Amino acid sequence: MENLKLGLTGSATMVVGSNDTAPRVGSGRIAVLATPVMINLIEEAALDACERHLADGQQSLGTHLDISHVAATPTGMRVEARAELTEIDKRKLTFRIRVHDEVDLIGEGTYTRVVVTAERFQEKVDAKAAQ
């Protein structure tokens, strides 16, 4: 984690296809970018900002989203999510998020991830699965 610095940025882009729409993922009836798909893009942007800076055996996990989805995006339009690391509190990483399509700001807010040791995390998951 010592390589993590405030101000690190990451991004992720996509073109909205028919499989990315609200009716397709079950989050609405109008064929526009679904909020759950936008959230996935936000996660990709945050990963792009931080994962390459973590030590071997570490990874980050999403823990909290406070995101607004304020404008609709039709199919065929390009969308970009950008994440900026704004706070590091021990293992907790907080990102400022902005998502734009080709015309508008469509989403913004904050996203928190926590850094874990992958092996220890997997051991906890395996123990839970065995119950």
N, C-alpha and C. Protein backbone atom coordinates (compact mmCIF):
# COMPACT_ATOMS: atom_id res chain seq x y z
N MET A 1 0.80 -1.21 0.00
CA MET A 1 0.00 0.00 0.00
C MET A 1 0.84 1.26 0.00
N GLU A 2 2.11 1.13 0.28
CA GLU A 2 2.96 2.32 0.34
C GLU A 2 3.07 3.04 -1.00
N ASN A 3 2.73 2.36 -2.09
CA ASN A 3 2.77 2.99 -3.42
C ASN A 3 1.50 3.77 -3.74
N LEU A 4 0.47 3.64 -2.91
CA LEU A 4 -0.76 4.39 -3.13
C LEU A 4 -0.56 5.84 -2.71
N LYS A 5 -1.00 6.75 -3.55
CA LYS A 5 -0.87 8.18 -3.29
C LYS A 5 -2.18 8.88 -3.63
N LEU A 6 -2.50 9.88 -2.86
CA LEU A 6 -3.68 10.69 -3.18
C LEU A 6 -3.51 11.27 -4.58
N GLY A 7 -4.60 11.34 -5.29
CA GLY A 7 -4.57 11.90 -6.64
C GLY A 7 -4.43 10.86 -7.74
N LEU A 8 -4.15 9.60 -7.39
CA LEU A 8 -4.10 8.57 -8.42
C LEU A 8 -5.45 8.51 -9.13
N THR A 9 -5.41 8.32 -10.44
CA THR A 9 -6.65 8.26 -11.20
C THR A 9 -6.71 7.00 -12.04
N GLY A 10 -7.91 6.61 -12.35
CA GLY A 10 -8.14 5.48 -13.24
C GLY A 10 -9.39 5.76 -14.04
N SER A 11 -9.53 5.03 -15.13
CA SER A 11 -10.72 5.21 -15.96
C SER A 11 -11.11 3.89 -16.61
N ALA A 12 -12.35 3.86 -17.04
CA ALA A 12 -12.88 2.73 -17.79
C ALA A 12 -13.91 3.27 -18.77
N THR A 13 -13.94 2.69 -19.95
CA THR A 13 -14.89 3.14 -20.97
C THR A 13 -15.65 1.97 -21.53
N MET A 14 -16.79 2.29 -22.11
CA MET A 14 -17.60 1.28 -22.78
C MET A 14 -18.50 1.99 -23.79
N VAL A 15 -19.04 1.21 -24.71
CA VAL A 15 -20.10 1.67 -25.59
C VAL A 15 -21.34 0.91 -25.17
N VAL A 16 -22.42 1.62 -24.90
CA VAL A 16 -23.64 0.99 -24.41
C VAL A 16 -24.25 0.12 -25.50
N GLY A 17 -24.36 -1.17 -25.19
CA GLY A 17 -24.99 -2.12 -26.10
C GLY A 17 -26.33 -2.57 -25.56
N SER A 18 -27.03 -3.38 -26.32
CA SER A 18 -28.36 -3.82 -25.88
C SER A 18 -28.30 -4.66 -24.60
N ASN A 19 -27.22 -5.35 -24.35
CA ASN A 19 -27.09 -6.13 -23.12
C ASN A 19 -26.82 -5.27 -21.89
N ASP A 20 -26.55 -3.98 -22.09
CA ASP A 20 -26.23 -3.06 -21.00
C ASP A 20 -27.42 -2.22 -20.56
N THR A 21 -28.58 -2.49 -21.12
CA THR A 21 -29.75 -1.65 -20.86
C THR A 21 -30.55 -2.14 -19.66
N ALA A 22 -31.34 -1.21 -19.12
CA ALA A 22 -32.16 -1.51 -17.94
C ALA A 22 -33.08 -2.71 -18.15
N PRO A 23 -33.81 -2.82 -19.28
CA PRO A 23 -34.67 -4.00 -19.43
C PRO A 23 -33.88 -5.31 -19.45
N ARG A 24 -32.70 -5.29 -20.03
CA ARG A 24 -31.89 -6.50 -20.14
C ARG A 24 -31.39 -6.99 -18.79
N VAL A 25 -31.04 -6.06 -17.87
CA VAL A 25 -30.52 -6.48 -16.57
C VAL A 25 -31.58 -6.45 -15.47
N GLY A 26 -32.80 -6.08 -15.84
CA GLY A 26 -33.90 -6.13 -14.87
C GLY A 26 -33.99 -4.94 -13.94
N SER A 27 -33.49 -3.78 -14.38
CA SER A 27 -33.55 -2.62 -13.49
C SER A 27 -34.44 -1.50 -14.03
N GLY A 28 -35.24 -1.80 -15.03
CA GLY A 28 -36.14 -0.79 -15.59
C GLY A 28 -36.71 -1.27 -16.91
N ARG A 29 -37.53 -0.41 -17.54
CA ARG A 29 -38.19 -0.81 -18.79
C ARG A 29 -37.75 -0.02 -20.00
N ILE A 30 -36.98 1.04 -19.81
CA ILE A 30 -36.55 1.86 -20.94
C ILE A 30 -35.13 1.45 -21.32
N ALA A 31 -34.89 1.32 -22.61
CA ALA A 31 -33.60 0.82 -23.12
C ALA A 31 -32.52 1.90 -23.08
N VAL A 32 -32.05 2.18 -21.87
CA VAL A 32 -30.92 3.10 -21.62
C VAL A 32 -29.93 2.37 -20.73
N LEU A 33 -28.73 2.95 -20.58
CA LEU A 33 -27.71 2.36 -19.72
C LEU A 33 -28.29 2.06 -18.33
N ALA A 34 -28.16 0.83 -17.90
CA ALA A 34 -28.66 0.41 -16.60
C ALA A 34 -27.71 0.87 -15.50
N THR A 35 -28.28 1.29 -14.39
CA THR A 35 -27.46 1.71 -13.25
C THR A 35 -26.48 0.62 -12.81
N PRO A 36 -26.90 -0.66 -12.71
CA PRO A 36 -25.93 -1.68 -12.31
C PRO A 36 -24.74 -1.79 -13.27
N VAL A 37 -24.95 -1.53 -14.54
CA VAL A 37 -23.85 -1.57 -15.51
C VAL A 37 -22.94 -0.36 -15.30
N MET A 38 -23.52 0.80 -15.00
CA MET A 38 -22.71 1.98 -14.70
C MET A 38 -21.85 1.72 -13.46
N ILE A 39 -22.42 1.06 -12.46
CA ILE A 39 -21.67 0.74 -11.24
C ILE A 39 -20.49 -0.17 -11.56
N ASN A 40 -20.71 -1.13 -12.44
CA ASN A 40 -19.61 -2.01 -12.85
C ASN A 40 -18.48 -1.19 -13.48
N LEU A 41 -18.83 -0.23 -14.31
CA LEU A 41 -17.82 0.62 -14.95
C LEU A 41 -17.07 1.44 -13.90
N ILE A 42 -17.78 1.91 -12.88
CA ILE A 42 -17.15 2.65 -11.78
C ILE A 42 -16.14 1.76 -11.07
N GLU A 43 -16.51 0.52 -10.80
CA GLU A 43 -15.57 -0.40 -10.15
C GLU A 43 -14.32 -0.61 -11.01
N GLU A 44 -14.51 -0.75 -12.31
CA GLU A 44 -13.36 -0.91 -13.21
C GLU A 44 -12.44 0.30 -13.13
N ALA A 45 -13.00 1.50 -13.09
CA ALA A 45 -12.19 2.72 -13.03
C ALA A 45 -11.40 2.78 -11.72
N ALA A 46 -12.04 2.43 -10.61
CA ALA A 46 -11.34 2.44 -9.32
C ALA A 46 -10.23 1.39 -9.30
N LEU A 47 -10.49 0.22 -9.85
CA LEU A 47 -9.45 -0.81 -9.94
C LEU A 47 -8.28 -0.32 -10.78
N ASP A 48 -8.59 0.37 -11.86
CA ASP A 48 -7.54 0.90 -12.73
C ASP A 48 -6.66 1.91 -11.98
N ALA A 49 -7.27 2.62 -11.05
CA ALA A 49 -6.51 3.62 -10.27
C ALA A 49 -5.60 2.99 -9.24
N CYS A 50 -6.01 1.87 -8.64
CA CYS A 50 -5.28 1.41 -7.46
C CYS A 50 -4.61 0.04 -7.55
N GLU A 51 -5.18 -0.91 -8.24
CA GLU A 51 -4.70 -2.29 -8.14
C GLU A 51 -3.23 -2.45 -8.51
N ARG A 52 -2.76 -1.76 -9.51
CA ARG A 52 -1.36 -1.93 -9.94
C ARG A 52 -0.36 -1.39 -8.91
N HIS A 53 -0.87 -0.62 -7.94
CA HIS A 53 -0.02 -0.05 -6.90
C HIS A 53 0.01 -0.88 -5.62
N LEU A 54 -0.74 -1.96 -5.59
CA LEU A 54 -0.79 -2.80 -4.39
C LEU A 54 0.33 -3.83 -4.42
N ALA A 55 0.74 -4.27 -3.25
CA ALA A 55 1.79 -5.29 -3.14
C ALA A 55 1.26 -6.63 -3.65
N ASP A 56 2.18 -7.50 -4.03
CA ASP A 56 1.79 -8.85 -4.43
C ASP A 56 0.98 -9.49 -3.31
N GLY A 57 -0.10 -10.15 -3.67
CA GLY A 57 -0.94 -10.81 -2.69
C GLY A 57 -2.01 -9.93 -2.10
N GLN A 58 -2.03 -8.65 -2.47
CA GLN A 58 -3.08 -7.75 -1.99
C GLN A 58 -4.06 -7.48 -3.12
N GLN A 59 -5.28 -7.17 -2.73
CA GLN A 59 -6.28 -6.71 -3.68
C GLN A 59 -7.24 -5.80 -2.94
N SER A 60 -8.06 -5.10 -3.70
CA SER A 60 -9.04 -4.23 -3.05
C SER A 60 -10.44 -4.77 -3.35
N LEU A 61 -11.33 -4.52 -2.38
CA LEU A 61 -12.71 -4.97 -2.49
C LEU A 61 -13.64 -3.79 -2.27
N GLY A 62 -14.67 -3.69 -3.07
CA GLY A 62 -15.64 -2.62 -2.90
C GLY A 62 -16.46 -2.82 -1.65
N THR A 63 -16.68 -1.73 -0.91
CA THR A 63 -17.43 -1.82 0.34
C THR A 63 -18.59 -0.83 0.45
N HIS A 64 -18.50 0.33 -0.23
CA HIS A 64 -19.56 1.32 -0.08
C HIS A 64 -19.63 2.21 -1.33
N LEU A 65 -20.85 2.40 -1.82
CA LEU A 65 -21.11 3.30 -2.95
C LEU A 65 -22.08 4.39 -2.51
N ASP A 66 -21.79 5.61 -2.90
CA ASP A 66 -22.73 6.72 -2.75
C ASP A 66 -22.72 7.44 -4.09
N ILE A 67 -23.52 6.93 -5.01
CA ILE A 67 -23.48 7.36 -6.40
C ILE A 67 -24.86 7.81 -6.85
N SER A 68 -24.91 8.91 -7.58
CA SER A 68 -26.16 9.31 -8.23
C SER A 68 -26.04 8.99 -9.72
N HIS A 69 -27.15 8.58 -10.31
CA HIS A 69 -27.24 8.33 -11.76
C HIS A 69 -28.26 9.33 -12.26
N VAL A 70 -27.78 10.42 -12.89
CA VAL A 70 -28.61 11.61 -13.10
C VAL A 70 -29.04 11.87 -14.53
N ALA A 71 -28.52 11.09 -15.49
CA ALA A 71 -28.92 11.30 -16.88
C ALA A 71 -28.90 9.97 -17.62
N ALA A 72 -29.82 9.83 -18.55
CA ALA A 72 -29.94 8.60 -19.33
C ALA A 72 -28.95 8.60 -20.49
N THR A 73 -28.48 7.39 -20.85
CA THR A 73 -27.57 7.23 -21.98
C THR A 73 -28.14 6.17 -22.91
N PRO A 74 -28.38 6.52 -24.18
CA PRO A 74 -28.94 5.55 -25.12
C PRO A 74 -27.89 4.54 -25.60
N THR A 75 -28.37 3.46 -26.19
CA THR A 75 -27.46 2.48 -26.77
C THR A 75 -26.65 3.13 -27.89
N GLY A 76 -25.45 2.63 -28.06
CA GLY A 76 -24.55 3.14 -29.09
C GLY A 76 -23.67 4.28 -28.64
N MET A 77 -23.93 4.84 -27.46
CA MET A 77 -23.15 5.98 -26.98
C MET A 77 -22.01 5.50 -26.09
N ARG A 78 -20.88 6.19 -26.17
CA ARG A 78 -19.70 5.88 -25.36
C ARG A 78 -19.85 6.50 -23.98
N VAL A 79 -19.40 5.75 -22.95
CA VAL A 79 -19.46 6.20 -21.56
C VAL A 79 -18.07 6.02 -20.95
N GLU A 80 -17.65 6.99 -20.15
CA GLU A 80 -16.38 6.89 -19.44
C GLU A 80 -16.59 7.18 -17.96
N ALA A 81 -16.06 6.30 -17.12
CA ALA A 81 -16.03 6.52 -15.68
C ALA A 81 -14.61 6.89 -15.29
N ARG A 82 -14.47 7.87 -14.41
CA ARG A 82 -13.16 8.28 -13.90
C ARG A 82 -13.20 8.22 -12.38
N ALA A 83 -12.14 7.67 -11.81
CA ALA A 83 -12.02 7.56 -10.36
C ALA A 83 -10.74 8.26 -9.93
N GLU A 84 -10.84 9.08 -8.89
CA GLU A 84 -9.66 9.73 -8.32
C GLU A 84 -9.57 9.36 -6.85
N LEU A 85 -8.42 8.86 -6.43
CA LEU A 85 -8.20 8.50 -5.04
C LEU A 85 -8.08 9.78 -4.21
N THR A 86 -9.04 9.98 -3.30
CA THR A 86 -9.09 11.23 -2.54
C THR A 86 -8.80 11.05 -1.06
N GLU A 87 -8.83 9.80 -0.57
CA GLU A 87 -8.56 9.57 0.85
C GLU A 87 -8.00 8.17 1.05
N ILE A 88 -6.99 8.09 1.91
CA ILE A 88 -6.43 6.80 2.33
C ILE A 88 -6.48 6.80 3.85
N ASP A 89 -7.24 5.87 4.42
CA ASP A 89 -7.38 5.75 5.86
C ASP A 89 -7.07 4.30 6.23
N LYS A 90 -5.81 4.05 6.57
CA LYS A 90 -5.31 2.70 6.82
C LYS A 90 -5.56 1.86 5.57
N ARG A 91 -6.46 0.89 5.63
CA ARG A 91 -6.72 0.02 4.47
C ARG A 91 -7.87 0.53 3.60
N LYS A 92 -8.54 1.58 4.02
CA LYS A 92 -9.72 2.08 3.33
C LYS A 92 -9.33 3.15 2.30
N LEU A 93 -9.79 2.95 1.07
CA LEU A 93 -9.51 3.87 -0.04
C LEU A 93 -10.82 4.51 -0.48
N THR A 94 -10.85 5.83 -0.58
CA THR A 94 -12.06 6.52 -1.03
C THR A 94 -11.77 7.22 -2.35
N PHE A 95 -12.68 7.06 -3.29
CA PHE A 95 -12.53 7.62 -4.63
C PHE A 95 -13.65 8.61 -4.92
N ARG A 96 -13.31 9.69 -5.59
CA ARG A 96 -14.29 10.60 -6.17
C ARG A 96 -14.58 10.05 -7.55
N ILE A 97 -15.85 9.91 -7.89
CA ILE A 97 -16.28 9.29 -9.13
C ILE A 97 -17.04 10.29 -9.99
N ARG A 98 -16.75 10.28 -11.28
CA ARG A 98 -17.52 11.05 -12.27
C ARG A 98 -17.68 10.17 -13.50
N VAL A 99 -18.91 10.12 -14.01
CA VAL A 99 -19.21 9.31 -15.19
C VAL A 99 -19.87 10.21 -16.23
N HIS A 100 -19.32 10.21 -17.44
CA HIS A 100 -19.85 11.02 -18.54
C HIS A 100 -20.20 10.13 -19.72
N ASP A 101 -21.23 10.50 -20.45
CA ASP A 101 -21.41 9.95 -21.79
C ASP A 101 -20.92 11.01 -22.77
N GLU A 102 -21.24 10.89 -24.02
CA GLU A 102 -20.74 11.83 -25.03
C GLU A 102 -21.36 13.21 -24.93
N VAL A 103 -22.42 13.35 -24.11
CA VAL A 103 -23.14 14.61 -24.01
C VAL A 103 -23.12 15.18 -22.59
N ASP A 104 -23.36 14.33 -21.59
CA ASP A 104 -23.64 14.80 -20.23
C ASP A 104 -22.79 14.10 -19.17
N LEU A 105 -22.76 14.75 -18.00
CA LEU A 105 -22.40 14.06 -16.77
C LEU A 105 -23.59 13.18 -16.44
N ILE A 106 -23.37 11.87 -16.30
CA ILE A 106 -24.50 10.97 -16.04
C ILE A 106 -24.48 10.38 -14.63
N GLY A 107 -23.34 10.47 -13.95
CA GLY A 107 -23.26 9.93 -12.60
C GLY A 107 -22.08 10.51 -11.86
N GLU A 108 -22.21 10.57 -10.52
CA GLU A 108 -21.09 11.05 -9.71
C GLU A 108 -21.32 10.65 -8.27
N GLY A 109 -20.24 10.72 -7.50
CA GLY A 109 -20.34 10.41 -6.08
C GLY A 109 -19.03 9.91 -5.54
N THR A 110 -19.12 9.06 -4.51
CA THR A 110 -17.92 8.49 -3.90
C THR A 110 -18.05 6.97 -3.86
N TYR A 111 -16.90 6.34 -3.82
CA TYR A 111 -16.82 4.88 -3.82
C TYR A 111 -15.69 4.49 -2.88
N THR A 112 -15.94 3.55 -1.99
CA THR A 112 -14.94 3.11 -1.02
C THR A 112 -14.57 1.66 -1.28
N ARG A 113 -13.28 1.40 -1.24
CA ARG A 113 -12.75 0.04 -1.34
C ARG A 113 -11.82 -0.19 -0.15
N VAL A 114 -11.62 -1.44 0.22
CA VAL A 114 -10.72 -1.78 1.31
C VAL A 114 -9.67 -2.75 0.77
N VAL A 115 -8.44 -2.57 1.20
CA VAL A 115 -7.34 -3.42 0.76
C VAL A 115 -7.25 -4.62 1.69
N VAL A 116 -7.18 -5.81 1.10
CA VAL A 116 -7.09 -7.06 1.86
C VAL A 116 -5.93 -7.90 1.33
N THR A 117 -5.51 -8.85 2.16
CA THR A 117 -4.58 -9.88 1.71
C THR A 117 -5.43 -10.96 1.06
N ALA A 118 -5.20 -11.22 -0.20
CA ALA A 118 -6.05 -12.12 -0.97
C ALA A 118 -6.14 -13.51 -0.34
N GLU A 119 -5.03 -14.05 0.11
CA GLU A 119 -5.02 -15.40 0.66
C GLU A 119 -5.88 -15.47 1.93
N ARG A 120 -5.73 -14.51 2.82
CA ARG A 120 -6.52 -14.50 4.06
C ARG A 120 -8.00 -14.31 3.75
N PHE A 121 -8.31 -13.47 2.80
CA PHE A 121 -9.69 -13.25 2.42
C PHE A 121 -10.30 -14.54 1.87
N GLN A 122 -9.55 -15.22 1.00
CA GLN A 122 -10.04 -16.47 0.42
C GLN A 122 -10.26 -17.53 1.50
N GLU A 123 -9.38 -17.58 2.50
CA GLU A 123 -9.56 -18.52 3.60
C GLU A 123 -10.88 -18.27 4.33
N LYS A 124 -11.23 -17.01 4.55
CA LYS A 124 -12.49 -16.67 5.21
C LYS A 124 -13.68 -17.07 4.34
N VAL A 125 -13.58 -16.85 3.04
CA VAL A 125 -14.65 -17.24 2.13
C VAL A 125 -14.82 -18.76 2.14
N ASP A 126 -13.71 -19.48 2.08
CA ASP A 126 -13.76 -20.95 2.10
C ASP A 126 -14.37 -21.47 3.40
N ALA A 127 -14.01 -20.86 4.52
CA ALA A 127 -14.56 -21.27 5.81
C ALA A 127 -16.07 -21.03 5.86
N LYS A 128 -16.50 -19.93 5.31
CA LYS A 128 -17.94 -19.62 5.29
C LYS A 128 -18.67 -20.61 4.40
N ALA A 129 -18.10 -20.94 3.26
CA ALA A 129 -18.73 -21.88 2.31
C ALA A 129 -18.85 -23.28 2.92
N ALA A 130 -17.94 -23.61 3.81
CA ALA A 130 -17.94 -24.95 4.43
C ALA A 130 -18.99 -25.09 5.53
N GLN A 131 -19.59 -24.00 5.97
CA GLN A 131 -20.58 -24.08 7.05
C GLN A 131 -21.90 -24.64 6.58
